[in-house]
Amino acid sequence: MKRIKLFEEFAKSGYESSVMNSMVKKYEKWERGVIKAWGSIFYIDYHSMPTSGKTQPFNQLKRDFIEFFNTPISSDEFEELDDWIQEYGKRGGVPLFNKTVMDKIFKDIAKKTPAPLDFTIYRTSAKEESGVNSYTVNKGSYSNWHADNSVERAYLIPKGTPVIFADADADNGEIIWMPTKSDLIKYRIS
């Protein structure tokens, strides 16, 4: 319990941002592109993506993320990219990715940055969903953005849990976590 309090104190003092920024340095450029895409586009479509099926070669996916996701979110190019992604990023009718490909990418990225301390994350939603999801270290920060039937849930993430620190490339204080159904029960504290 003392470590949790310690992390919360660090968060209040701005230490959390420096921890997140140091973790982000472990990600390759194309991986940061995937994180940026998650923060702006993928999180909307992830749970409805096809689970499997033919996809483009992995090297093509990496090249596209390097090329396209070095683009500022406020630019016209990013708007074109958004339109492209809405169709699951197809090249010649074959998608770059599906849910299985995305899960592998996010798991591999998360292995690079296990949680340095035990800490609490929050998610506001109508239901709990396993798999890739956005969470925040900022309690109450997304409560006003969701439907009336949404609930903010808190999870205690133990040190060593693979997570992605998305603060620099997505939303302020964002953590991407890929819990199983049993993880959601095991780590839920409210």
N, C-alpha and C. Protein backbone atom coordinates (compact mmCIF):
# COMPACT_ATOMS: atom_id res chain seq x y z
N MET A 1 0.82 -1.19 0.00
CA MET A 1 0.00 0.00 0.00
C MET A 1 0.87 1.26 0.00
N LYS A 2 2.01 1.18 0.66
CA LYS A 2 2.91 2.33 0.70
C LYS A 2 3.41 2.71 -0.70
N ARG A 3 3.70 1.69 -1.54
CA ARG A 3 4.18 1.95 -2.90
C ARG A 3 3.13 2.66 -3.73
N ILE A 4 1.86 2.29 -3.53
CA ILE A 4 0.77 2.93 -4.26
C ILE A 4 0.71 4.40 -3.87
N LYS A 5 0.77 4.67 -2.59
CA LYS A 5 0.75 6.05 -2.10
C LYS A 5 1.95 6.81 -2.68
N LEU A 6 3.09 6.16 -2.73
CA LEU A 6 4.30 6.78 -3.26
C LEU A 6 4.09 7.17 -4.71
N PHE A 7 3.51 6.26 -5.52
CA PHE A 7 3.26 6.58 -6.93
C PHE A 7 2.28 7.74 -7.05
N GLU A 8 1.23 7.75 -6.21
CA GLU A 8 0.26 8.84 -6.25
C GLU A 8 0.91 10.18 -5.90
N GLU A 9 1.83 10.16 -4.96
CA GLU A 9 2.56 11.39 -4.61
C GLU A 9 3.45 11.83 -5.78
N PHE A 10 4.12 10.86 -6.43
CA PHE A 10 4.92 11.18 -7.61
C PHE A 10 4.05 11.80 -8.69
N ALA A 11 2.85 11.22 -8.87
CA ALA A 11 1.94 11.72 -9.90
C ALA A 11 1.59 13.19 -9.65
N LYS A 12 1.32 13.51 -8.40
CA LYS A 12 0.97 14.89 -8.06
C LYS A 12 2.14 15.84 -8.30
N SER A 13 3.36 15.35 -8.13
CA SER A 13 4.53 16.20 -8.25
C SER A 13 5.07 16.31 -9.67
N GLY A 14 4.48 15.56 -10.61
CA GLY A 14 4.96 15.61 -11.99
C GLY A 14 5.97 14.52 -12.29
N TYR A 15 6.35 13.73 -11.30
CA TYR A 15 7.30 12.64 -11.52
C TYR A 15 6.76 11.65 -12.53
N GLU A 16 5.44 11.42 -12.46
CA GLU A 16 4.79 10.47 -13.34
C GLU A 16 5.09 10.79 -14.81
N SER A 17 5.03 12.05 -15.18
CA SER A 17 5.31 12.43 -16.57
C SER A 17 6.74 12.10 -16.94
N SER A 18 7.66 12.32 -16.04
CA SER A 18 9.05 12.02 -16.38
C SER A 18 9.26 10.51 -16.49
N VAL A 19 8.57 9.72 -15.67
CA VAL A 19 8.65 8.26 -15.79
C VAL A 19 8.08 7.84 -17.14
N MET A 20 6.91 8.38 -17.48
CA MET A 20 6.29 8.03 -18.75
C MET A 20 7.18 8.42 -19.93
N ASN A 21 7.74 9.61 -19.88
CA ASN A 21 8.60 10.06 -20.98
C ASN A 21 9.85 9.21 -21.11
N SER A 22 10.41 8.75 -20.00
CA SER A 22 11.60 7.89 -20.08
C SER A 22 11.22 6.52 -20.65
N MET A 23 10.02 6.04 -20.35
CA MET A 23 9.57 4.76 -20.89
C MET A 23 9.35 4.86 -22.41
N VAL A 24 8.78 5.97 -22.86
CA VAL A 24 8.49 6.17 -24.28
C VAL A 24 9.76 6.06 -25.12
N LYS A 25 10.88 6.43 -24.58
CA LYS A 25 12.15 6.37 -25.32
C LYS A 25 12.53 4.94 -25.70
N LYS A 26 11.90 3.96 -25.07
CA LYS A 26 12.18 2.56 -25.39
C LYS A 26 11.45 2.08 -26.64
N TYR A 27 10.50 2.88 -27.13
CA TYR A 27 9.71 2.50 -28.30
C TYR A 27 10.39 2.96 -29.58
N GLU A 28 10.30 2.12 -30.62
CA GLU A 28 10.80 2.50 -31.93
C GLU A 28 9.84 3.52 -32.57
N LYS A 29 10.33 4.20 -33.59
CA LYS A 29 9.53 5.23 -34.26
C LYS A 29 8.21 4.66 -34.78
N TRP A 30 8.24 3.50 -35.43
CA TRP A 30 7.01 2.94 -35.97
C TRP A 30 6.06 2.53 -34.85
N GLU A 31 6.60 2.08 -33.71
CA GLU A 31 5.75 1.72 -32.57
C GLU A 31 5.06 2.95 -32.00
N ARG A 32 5.77 4.06 -31.96
CA ARG A 32 5.14 5.31 -31.51
C ARG A 32 4.05 5.73 -32.49
N GLY A 33 4.23 5.40 -33.77
CA GLY A 33 3.17 5.65 -34.74
C GLY A 33 1.93 4.83 -34.45
N VAL A 34 2.11 3.58 -34.06
CA VAL A 34 0.98 2.73 -33.70
C VAL A 34 0.27 3.31 -32.48
N ILE A 35 1.04 3.77 -31.50
CA ILE A 35 0.46 4.35 -30.29
C ILE A 35 -0.30 5.63 -30.63
N LYS A 36 0.28 6.45 -31.48
CA LYS A 36 -0.40 7.68 -31.90
C LYS A 36 -1.71 7.33 -32.62
N ALA A 37 -1.66 6.32 -33.49
CA ALA A 37 -2.86 5.90 -34.21
C ALA A 37 -3.91 5.36 -33.25
N TRP A 38 -3.48 4.65 -32.22
CA TRP A 38 -4.43 4.16 -31.22
C TRP A 38 -5.13 5.34 -30.55
N GLY A 39 -4.36 6.34 -30.16
CA GLY A 39 -4.91 7.48 -29.44
C GLY A 39 -5.84 8.35 -30.27
N SER A 40 -5.75 8.25 -31.57
CA SER A 40 -6.59 9.12 -32.40
C SER A 40 -7.62 8.36 -33.23
N ILE A 41 -7.36 7.09 -33.55
CA ILE A 41 -8.21 6.39 -34.51
C ILE A 41 -8.59 4.98 -34.06
N PHE A 42 -7.61 4.14 -33.79
CA PHE A 42 -7.85 2.71 -33.59
C PHE A 42 -8.78 2.38 -32.43
N TYR A 43 -8.70 3.14 -31.35
CA TYR A 43 -9.50 2.79 -30.18
C TYR A 43 -10.99 2.75 -30.51
N ILE A 44 -11.42 3.49 -31.51
CA ILE A 44 -12.82 3.50 -31.91
C ILE A 44 -13.20 2.18 -32.58
N ASP A 45 -12.33 1.64 -33.43
CA ASP A 45 -12.64 0.47 -34.24
C ASP A 45 -12.11 -0.86 -33.71
N TYR A 46 -11.21 -0.83 -32.74
CA TYR A 46 -10.53 -2.06 -32.33
C TYR A 46 -11.49 -3.20 -32.02
N HIS A 47 -12.50 -2.97 -31.18
CA HIS A 47 -13.36 -4.06 -30.74
C HIS A 47 -14.28 -4.59 -31.84
N SER A 48 -14.37 -3.88 -32.97
CA SER A 48 -15.18 -4.38 -34.08
C SER A 48 -14.33 -4.85 -35.25
N MET A 49 -13.00 -4.81 -35.12
CA MET A 49 -12.12 -5.29 -36.18
C MET A 49 -12.29 -6.80 -36.37
N PRO A 50 -12.07 -7.28 -37.60
CA PRO A 50 -12.07 -8.73 -37.79
C PRO A 50 -10.91 -9.34 -36.99
N THR A 51 -11.16 -10.52 -36.44
CA THR A 51 -10.14 -11.17 -35.60
C THR A 51 -8.99 -11.72 -36.43
N SER A 52 -9.31 -12.27 -37.59
CA SER A 52 -8.25 -12.90 -38.39
C SER A 52 -8.50 -12.64 -39.86
N GLY A 53 -7.71 -13.28 -40.68
CA GLY A 53 -7.80 -13.11 -42.13
C GLY A 53 -6.48 -12.62 -42.68
N LYS A 54 -6.34 -12.67 -43.99
CA LYS A 54 -5.10 -12.26 -44.64
C LYS A 54 -4.81 -10.78 -44.39
N THR A 55 -3.57 -10.47 -44.13
CA THR A 55 -3.12 -9.08 -43.95
C THR A 55 -1.85 -8.86 -44.77
N GLN A 56 -1.47 -7.61 -44.89
CA GLN A 56 -0.23 -7.26 -45.59
C GLN A 56 0.98 -7.80 -44.82
N PRO A 57 2.11 -7.97 -45.49
CA PRO A 57 3.33 -8.38 -44.79
C PRO A 57 3.68 -7.38 -43.68
N PHE A 58 4.24 -7.90 -42.61
CA PHE A 58 4.54 -7.08 -41.44
C PHE A 58 5.47 -5.91 -41.78
N ASN A 59 6.42 -6.11 -42.66
CA ASN A 59 7.33 -5.01 -43.02
C ASN A 59 6.59 -3.87 -43.70
N GLN A 60 5.54 -4.18 -44.46
CA GLN A 60 4.72 -3.14 -45.08
C GLN A 60 4.01 -2.32 -44.00
N LEU A 61 3.49 -3.01 -43.01
CA LEU A 61 2.82 -2.33 -41.91
C LEU A 61 3.79 -1.36 -41.21
N LYS A 62 4.98 -1.83 -40.91
CA LYS A 62 5.98 -0.98 -40.26
C LYS A 62 6.31 0.24 -41.12
N ARG A 63 6.52 0.03 -42.43
CA ARG A 63 6.83 1.16 -43.32
C ARG A 63 5.70 2.18 -43.33
N ASP A 64 4.47 1.70 -43.38
CA ASP A 64 3.32 2.62 -43.41
C ASP A 64 3.22 3.43 -42.11
N PHE A 65 3.45 2.79 -40.98
CA PHE A 65 3.38 3.54 -39.73
C PHE A 65 4.51 4.56 -39.62
N ILE A 66 5.68 4.22 -40.10
CA ILE A 66 6.78 5.20 -40.09
C ILE A 66 6.43 6.38 -40.98
N GLU A 67 5.92 6.10 -42.17
CA GLU A 67 5.60 7.16 -43.13
C GLU A 67 4.41 8.01 -42.68
N PHE A 68 3.33 7.36 -42.34
CA PHE A 68 2.10 8.10 -42.09
C PHE A 68 2.00 8.71 -40.71
N PHE A 69 2.55 8.06 -39.69
CA PHE A 69 2.31 8.53 -38.34
C PHE A 69 3.39 9.44 -37.79
N ASN A 70 4.16 10.00 -38.67
CA ASN A 70 5.06 11.07 -38.27
C ASN A 70 4.36 12.40 -38.55
N THR A 71 3.06 12.31 -38.83
CA THR A 71 2.24 13.45 -39.24
C THR A 71 1.54 14.06 -38.04
N PRO A 72 1.59 15.38 -37.87
CA PRO A 72 0.88 16.02 -36.77
C PRO A 72 -0.64 15.81 -36.88
N ILE A 73 -1.30 15.56 -35.76
CA ILE A 73 -2.73 15.29 -35.73
C ILE A 73 -3.54 16.44 -36.31
N SER A 74 -3.05 17.66 -36.18
CA SER A 74 -3.80 18.83 -36.65
C SER A 74 -3.65 19.11 -38.15
N SER A 75 -2.90 18.29 -38.86
CA SER A 75 -2.63 18.56 -40.28
C SER A 75 -3.66 17.95 -41.21
N ASP A 76 -3.71 18.47 -42.45
CA ASP A 76 -4.58 17.91 -43.48
C ASP A 76 -4.19 16.48 -43.81
N GLU A 77 -2.88 16.20 -43.77
CA GLU A 77 -2.40 14.85 -44.07
C GLU A 77 -2.97 13.85 -43.07
N PHE A 78 -3.07 14.28 -41.81
CA PHE A 78 -3.59 13.37 -40.80
C PHE A 78 -5.07 13.09 -41.05
N GLU A 79 -5.81 14.08 -41.52
CA GLU A 79 -7.23 13.87 -41.84
C GLU A 79 -7.35 12.83 -42.95
N GLU A 80 -6.47 12.91 -43.96
CA GLU A 80 -6.47 11.90 -45.03
C GLU A 80 -6.11 10.53 -44.45
N LEU A 81 -5.17 10.50 -43.54
CA LEU A 81 -4.77 9.27 -42.88
C LEU A 81 -5.94 8.69 -42.10
N ASP A 82 -6.69 9.54 -41.43
CA ASP A 82 -7.85 9.10 -40.67
C ASP A 82 -8.84 8.39 -41.59
N ASP A 83 -9.10 8.98 -42.77
CA ASP A 83 -10.00 8.35 -43.74
C ASP A 83 -9.46 6.99 -44.19
N TRP A 84 -8.17 6.92 -44.40
CA TRP A 84 -7.53 5.67 -44.82
C TRP A 84 -7.69 4.60 -43.74
N ILE A 85 -7.44 4.96 -42.51
CA ILE A 85 -7.53 4.02 -41.40
C ILE A 85 -8.97 3.54 -41.19
N GLN A 86 -9.93 4.42 -41.41
CA GLN A 86 -11.33 4.02 -41.21
C GLN A 86 -11.70 2.79 -42.03
N GLU A 87 -10.99 2.57 -43.11
CA GLU A 87 -11.21 1.38 -43.94
C GLU A 87 -10.21 0.29 -43.57
N TYR A 88 -9.67 0.34 -42.35
CA TYR A 88 -8.69 -0.61 -41.84
C TYR A 88 -7.38 -0.62 -42.62
N GLY A 89 -7.05 0.49 -43.24
CA GLY A 89 -5.75 0.61 -43.88
C GLY A 89 -5.51 -0.42 -44.96
N LYS A 90 -6.37 -0.48 -45.93
CA LYS A 90 -6.22 -1.48 -46.99
C LYS A 90 -5.28 -1.02 -48.09
N ARG A 91 -4.52 -1.95 -48.60
CA ARG A 91 -3.67 -1.74 -49.77
C ARG A 91 -4.07 -2.82 -50.76
N GLY A 92 -4.60 -2.39 -51.91
CA GLY A 92 -5.04 -3.35 -52.91
C GLY A 92 -6.12 -4.28 -52.39
N GLY A 93 -6.97 -3.79 -51.49
CA GLY A 93 -8.06 -4.59 -50.93
C GLY A 93 -7.66 -5.47 -49.76
N VAL A 94 -6.36 -5.56 -49.46
CA VAL A 94 -5.89 -6.39 -48.36
C VAL A 94 -5.54 -5.49 -47.17
N PRO A 95 -6.16 -5.72 -45.99
CA PRO A 95 -5.89 -4.84 -44.85
C PRO A 95 -4.47 -5.00 -44.33
N LEU A 96 -3.96 -3.92 -43.76
CA LEU A 96 -2.64 -3.98 -43.12
C LEU A 96 -2.70 -4.82 -41.85
N PHE A 97 -3.83 -4.80 -41.16
CA PHE A 97 -3.91 -5.45 -39.87
C PHE A 97 -5.32 -5.92 -39.58
N ASN A 98 -5.42 -6.81 -38.60
CA ASN A 98 -6.69 -7.24 -38.03
C ASN A 98 -6.47 -7.27 -36.52
N LYS A 99 -7.44 -7.74 -35.78
CA LYS A 99 -7.33 -7.71 -34.32
C LYS A 99 -6.16 -8.56 -33.82
N THR A 100 -5.93 -9.70 -34.43
CA THR A 100 -4.83 -10.57 -34.02
C THR A 100 -3.49 -9.88 -34.23
N VAL A 101 -3.32 -9.23 -35.36
CA VAL A 101 -2.08 -8.49 -35.65
C VAL A 101 -1.91 -7.34 -34.65
N MET A 102 -3.00 -6.58 -34.41
CA MET A 102 -2.92 -5.46 -33.46
C MET A 102 -2.57 -5.95 -32.07
N ASP A 103 -3.19 -7.05 -31.62
CA ASP A 103 -2.89 -7.60 -30.29
C ASP A 103 -1.41 -7.95 -30.17
N LYS A 104 -0.86 -8.58 -31.19
CA LYS A 104 0.56 -8.96 -31.14
C LYS A 104 1.45 -7.71 -31.08
N ILE A 105 1.13 -6.72 -31.88
CA ILE A 105 1.92 -5.49 -31.87
C ILE A 105 1.89 -4.85 -30.49
N PHE A 106 0.70 -4.70 -29.92
CA PHE A 106 0.59 -4.05 -28.62
C PHE A 106 1.24 -4.87 -27.51
N LYS A 107 1.13 -6.20 -27.57
CA LYS A 107 1.79 -7.04 -26.56
C LYS A 107 3.30 -6.88 -26.65
N ASP A 108 3.84 -6.86 -27.87
CA ASP A 108 5.28 -6.71 -28.05
C ASP A 108 5.77 -5.34 -27.56
N ILE A 109 5.01 -4.30 -27.85
CA ILE A 109 5.39 -2.96 -27.37
C ILE A 109 5.35 -2.92 -25.85
N ALA A 110 4.30 -3.48 -25.25
CA ALA A 110 4.12 -3.43 -23.79
C ALA A 110 5.22 -4.20 -23.06
N LYS A 111 5.76 -5.25 -23.68
CA LYS A 111 6.85 -6.00 -23.04
C LYS A 111 8.08 -5.13 -22.81
N LYS A 112 8.23 -4.08 -23.60
CA LYS A 112 9.39 -3.19 -23.46
C LYS A 112 9.30 -2.30 -22.23
N THR A 113 8.07 -2.10 -21.73
CA THR A 113 7.89 -1.14 -20.64
C THR A 113 6.98 -1.70 -19.54
N PRO A 114 7.48 -2.67 -18.80
CA PRO A 114 6.68 -3.14 -17.67
C PRO A 114 6.55 -2.01 -16.63
N ALA A 115 5.44 -2.02 -15.92
CA ALA A 115 5.19 -0.97 -14.91
C ALA A 115 6.35 -0.92 -13.91
N PRO A 116 6.94 0.28 -13.69
CA PRO A 116 8.07 0.38 -12.78
C PRO A 116 7.67 0.33 -11.30
N LEU A 117 6.40 0.56 -11.01
CA LEU A 117 5.86 0.53 -9.65
C LEU A 117 4.44 -0.02 -9.71
N ASP A 118 3.90 -0.40 -8.56
CA ASP A 118 2.46 -0.66 -8.47
C ASP A 118 1.77 0.69 -8.65
N PHE A 119 0.71 0.74 -9.45
CA PHE A 119 -0.03 2.00 -9.57
C PHE A 119 -1.46 1.76 -9.98
N THR A 120 -2.29 2.77 -9.79
CA THR A 120 -3.71 2.70 -10.08
C THR A 120 -4.01 3.37 -11.41
N ILE A 121 -4.83 2.69 -12.22
CA ILE A 121 -5.30 3.27 -13.48
C ILE A 121 -6.83 3.24 -13.47
N TYR A 122 -7.42 4.08 -14.32
CA TYR A 122 -8.88 4.25 -14.34
C TYR A 122 -9.39 4.12 -15.77
N ARG A 123 -10.62 3.60 -15.87
CA ARG A 123 -11.29 3.54 -17.16
C ARG A 123 -12.77 3.79 -16.93
N THR A 124 -13.33 4.70 -17.72
CA THR A 124 -14.75 5.00 -17.66
C THR A 124 -15.41 4.42 -18.90
N SER A 125 -16.36 3.50 -18.68
CA SER A 125 -17.07 2.87 -19.79
C SER A 125 -18.34 2.21 -19.27
N ALA A 126 -19.23 1.86 -20.19
CA ALA A 126 -20.47 1.18 -19.82
C ALA A 126 -20.19 -0.26 -19.40
N LYS A 127 -19.20 -0.89 -20.04
CA LYS A 127 -18.87 -2.26 -19.68
C LYS A 127 -17.36 -2.46 -19.71
N GLU A 128 -16.92 -3.48 -19.00
CA GLU A 128 -15.51 -3.83 -19.02
C GLU A 128 -15.25 -4.70 -20.24
N GLU A 129 -14.16 -4.41 -20.94
CA GLU A 129 -13.79 -5.21 -22.09
C GLU A 129 -12.33 -5.62 -21.96
N SER A 130 -12.09 -6.91 -22.17
CA SER A 130 -10.70 -7.37 -22.16
C SER A 130 -10.05 -6.96 -23.47
N GLY A 131 -8.75 -7.17 -23.56
CA GLY A 131 -8.03 -6.79 -24.76
C GLY A 131 -7.47 -5.39 -24.65
N VAL A 132 -7.02 -4.87 -25.76
CA VAL A 132 -6.37 -3.55 -25.80
C VAL A 132 -7.40 -2.47 -25.46
N ASN A 133 -7.09 -1.66 -24.47
CA ASN A 133 -7.95 -0.54 -24.08
C ASN A 133 -7.12 0.59 -23.50
N SER A 134 -7.67 1.78 -23.57
CA SER A 134 -7.04 2.96 -22.97
C SER A 134 -7.49 3.12 -21.53
N TYR A 135 -6.55 3.48 -20.69
CA TYR A 135 -6.79 3.77 -19.29
C TYR A 135 -6.08 5.08 -19.00
N THR A 136 -6.30 5.63 -17.83
CA THR A 136 -5.60 6.85 -17.45
C THR A 136 -5.14 6.75 -16.01
N VAL A 137 -4.10 7.48 -15.70
CA VAL A 137 -3.65 7.56 -14.31
C VAL A 137 -4.35 8.71 -13.59
N ASN A 138 -5.17 9.46 -14.32
CA ASN A 138 -5.85 10.64 -13.78
C ASN A 138 -7.30 10.30 -13.42
N LYS A 139 -7.57 10.08 -12.14
CA LYS A 139 -8.91 9.74 -11.67
C LYS A 139 -9.91 10.82 -12.08
N GLY A 140 -11.04 10.38 -12.63
CA GLY A 140 -12.12 11.29 -12.98
C GLY A 140 -11.93 12.07 -14.26
N SER A 141 -10.84 11.86 -14.97
CA SER A 141 -10.55 12.71 -16.13
C SER A 141 -11.45 12.45 -17.33
N TYR A 142 -12.06 11.26 -17.44
CA TYR A 142 -12.90 10.97 -18.60
C TYR A 142 -14.36 10.76 -18.23
N SER A 143 -14.72 10.96 -16.98
CA SER A 143 -16.08 10.69 -16.52
C SER A 143 -17.13 11.49 -17.25
N ASN A 144 -16.85 12.72 -17.63
CA ASN A 144 -17.84 13.57 -18.27
C ASN A 144 -18.02 13.30 -19.76
N TRP A 145 -17.18 12.48 -20.35
CA TRP A 145 -17.21 12.23 -21.79
C TRP A 145 -18.07 11.03 -22.18
N HIS A 146 -18.59 10.32 -21.20
CA HIS A 146 -19.26 9.07 -21.49
C HIS A 146 -20.75 9.13 -21.19
N ALA A 147 -21.47 8.13 -21.69
CA ALA A 147 -22.92 8.04 -21.50
C ALA A 147 -23.26 7.90 -20.01
N ASP A 148 -24.52 8.16 -19.71
CA ASP A 148 -24.98 8.11 -18.32
C ASP A 148 -24.77 6.75 -17.66
N ASN A 149 -24.80 5.67 -18.45
CA ASN A 149 -24.63 4.34 -17.86
C ASN A 149 -23.17 3.94 -17.68
N SER A 150 -22.26 4.85 -17.94
CA SER A 150 -20.83 4.56 -17.78
C SER A 150 -20.42 4.62 -16.31
N VAL A 151 -19.41 3.83 -16.00
CA VAL A 151 -18.89 3.76 -14.65
C VAL A 151 -17.38 3.90 -14.71
N GLU A 152 -16.82 4.66 -13.78
CA GLU A 152 -15.35 4.71 -13.70
C GLU A 152 -14.90 3.56 -12.80
N ARG A 153 -14.01 2.75 -13.34
CA ARG A 153 -13.46 1.62 -12.59
C ARG A 153 -11.98 1.87 -12.38
N ALA A 154 -11.49 1.41 -11.25
CA ALA A 154 -10.07 1.56 -10.92
C ALA A 154 -9.44 0.17 -10.84
N TYR A 155 -8.19 0.09 -11.29
CA TYR A 155 -7.45 -1.17 -11.28
C TYR A 155 -6.07 -0.90 -10.68
N LEU A 156 -5.64 -1.79 -9.81
CA LEU A 156 -4.31 -1.70 -9.22
C LEU A 156 -3.38 -2.57 -10.06
N ILE A 157 -2.51 -1.93 -10.81
CA ILE A 157 -1.58 -2.63 -11.70
C ILE A 157 -0.28 -2.88 -10.94
N PRO A 158 0.10 -4.15 -10.78
CA PRO A 158 1.33 -4.43 -10.04
C PRO A 158 2.60 -4.15 -10.85
N LYS A 159 3.64 -3.87 -10.15
CA LYS A 159 4.95 -3.67 -10.77
C LYS A 159 5.25 -4.87 -11.68
N GLY A 160 5.77 -4.58 -12.86
CA GLY A 160 6.14 -5.63 -13.81
C GLY A 160 5.06 -5.96 -14.83
N THR A 161 3.86 -5.40 -14.67
CA THR A 161 2.78 -5.64 -15.64
C THR A 161 3.12 -4.95 -16.95
N PRO A 162 3.09 -5.65 -18.08
CA PRO A 162 3.36 -5.00 -19.36
C PRO A 162 2.26 -3.98 -19.70
N VAL A 163 2.65 -2.74 -19.87
CA VAL A 163 1.73 -1.66 -20.26
C VAL A 163 2.46 -0.76 -21.25
N ILE A 164 1.68 0.06 -21.94
CA ILE A 164 2.26 1.02 -22.87
C ILE A 164 1.99 2.41 -22.33
N PHE A 165 3.03 3.19 -22.22
CA PHE A 165 2.92 4.56 -21.73
C PHE A 165 2.67 5.46 -22.94
N ALA A 166 1.42 5.88 -23.10
CA ALA A 166 0.99 6.59 -24.30
C ALA A 166 0.87 8.10 -24.10
N ASP A 167 1.25 8.59 -22.95
CA ASP A 167 1.11 10.00 -22.62
C ASP A 167 1.72 10.93 -23.68
N ALA A 168 2.87 10.59 -24.20
CA ALA A 168 3.56 11.46 -25.16
C ALA A 168 2.94 11.42 -26.55
N ASP A 169 2.25 10.32 -26.89
CA ASP A 169 1.73 10.15 -28.24
C ASP A 169 0.22 10.11 -28.34
N ALA A 170 -0.46 10.04 -27.23
CA ALA A 170 -1.93 10.00 -27.26
C ALA A 170 -2.45 11.03 -26.24
N ASP A 171 -3.27 10.61 -25.29
CA ASP A 171 -3.84 11.54 -24.31
C ASP A 171 -2.97 11.68 -23.07
N ASN A 172 -3.11 12.79 -22.40
CA ASN A 172 -2.39 13.08 -21.17
C ASN A 172 -2.68 11.99 -20.13
N GLY A 173 -1.63 11.37 -19.63
CA GLY A 173 -1.77 10.34 -18.59
C GLY A 173 -2.27 9.00 -19.09
N GLU A 174 -2.29 8.80 -20.42
CA GLU A 174 -2.86 7.57 -20.97
C GLU A 174 -1.91 6.39 -20.83
N ILE A 175 -2.51 5.27 -20.45
CA ILE A 175 -1.83 3.98 -20.38
C ILE A 175 -2.63 3.03 -21.26
N ILE A 176 -1.97 2.24 -22.08
CA ILE A 176 -2.65 1.21 -22.86
C ILE A 176 -2.33 -0.12 -22.18
N TRP A 177 -3.38 -0.82 -21.82
CA TRP A 177 -3.23 -2.09 -21.10
C TRP A 177 -4.06 -3.14 -21.83
N MET A 178 -3.60 -4.39 -21.83
CA MET A 178 -4.27 -5.47 -22.52
C MET A 178 -4.68 -6.57 -21.55
N PRO A 179 -5.65 -6.29 -20.68
CA PRO A 179 -6.02 -7.29 -19.67
C PRO A 179 -6.85 -8.43 -20.25
N THR A 180 -6.73 -9.59 -19.62
CA THR A 180 -7.64 -10.69 -19.90
C THR A 180 -8.88 -10.46 -19.03
N LYS A 181 -9.92 -11.26 -19.23
CA LYS A 181 -11.11 -11.14 -18.38
C LYS A 181 -10.75 -11.38 -16.92
N SER A 182 -9.89 -12.36 -16.67
CA SER A 182 -9.51 -12.64 -15.28
C SER A 182 -8.66 -11.50 -14.70
N ASP A 183 -7.84 -10.83 -15.51
CA ASP A 183 -7.07 -9.67 -15.03
C ASP A 183 -8.01 -8.56 -14.57
N LEU A 184 -9.08 -8.34 -15.32
CA LEU A 184 -10.02 -7.28 -14.95
C LEU A 184 -10.61 -7.52 -13.57
N ILE A 185 -10.92 -8.77 -13.28
CA ILE A 185 -11.47 -9.12 -11.96
C ILE A 185 -10.38 -9.06 -10.90
N LYS A 186 -9.24 -9.64 -11.19
CA LYS A 186 -8.14 -9.74 -10.24
C LYS A 186 -7.62 -8.37 -9.80
N TYR A 187 -7.51 -7.42 -10.72
CA TYR A 187 -6.89 -6.14 -10.42
C TYR A 187 -7.88 -5.01 -10.14
N ARG A 188 -9.19 -5.26 -10.29
CA ARG A 188 -10.19 -4.21 -10.06
C ARG A 188 -10.25 -3.89 -8.56
N ILE A 189 -10.18 -2.60 -8.25
CA ILE A 189 -10.27 -2.16 -6.85
C ILE A 189 -11.52 -1.31 -6.61
N SER A 190 -12.20 -0.90 -7.68
CA SER A 190 -13.49 -0.20 -7.50
C SER A 190 -14.28 -0.24 -8.79
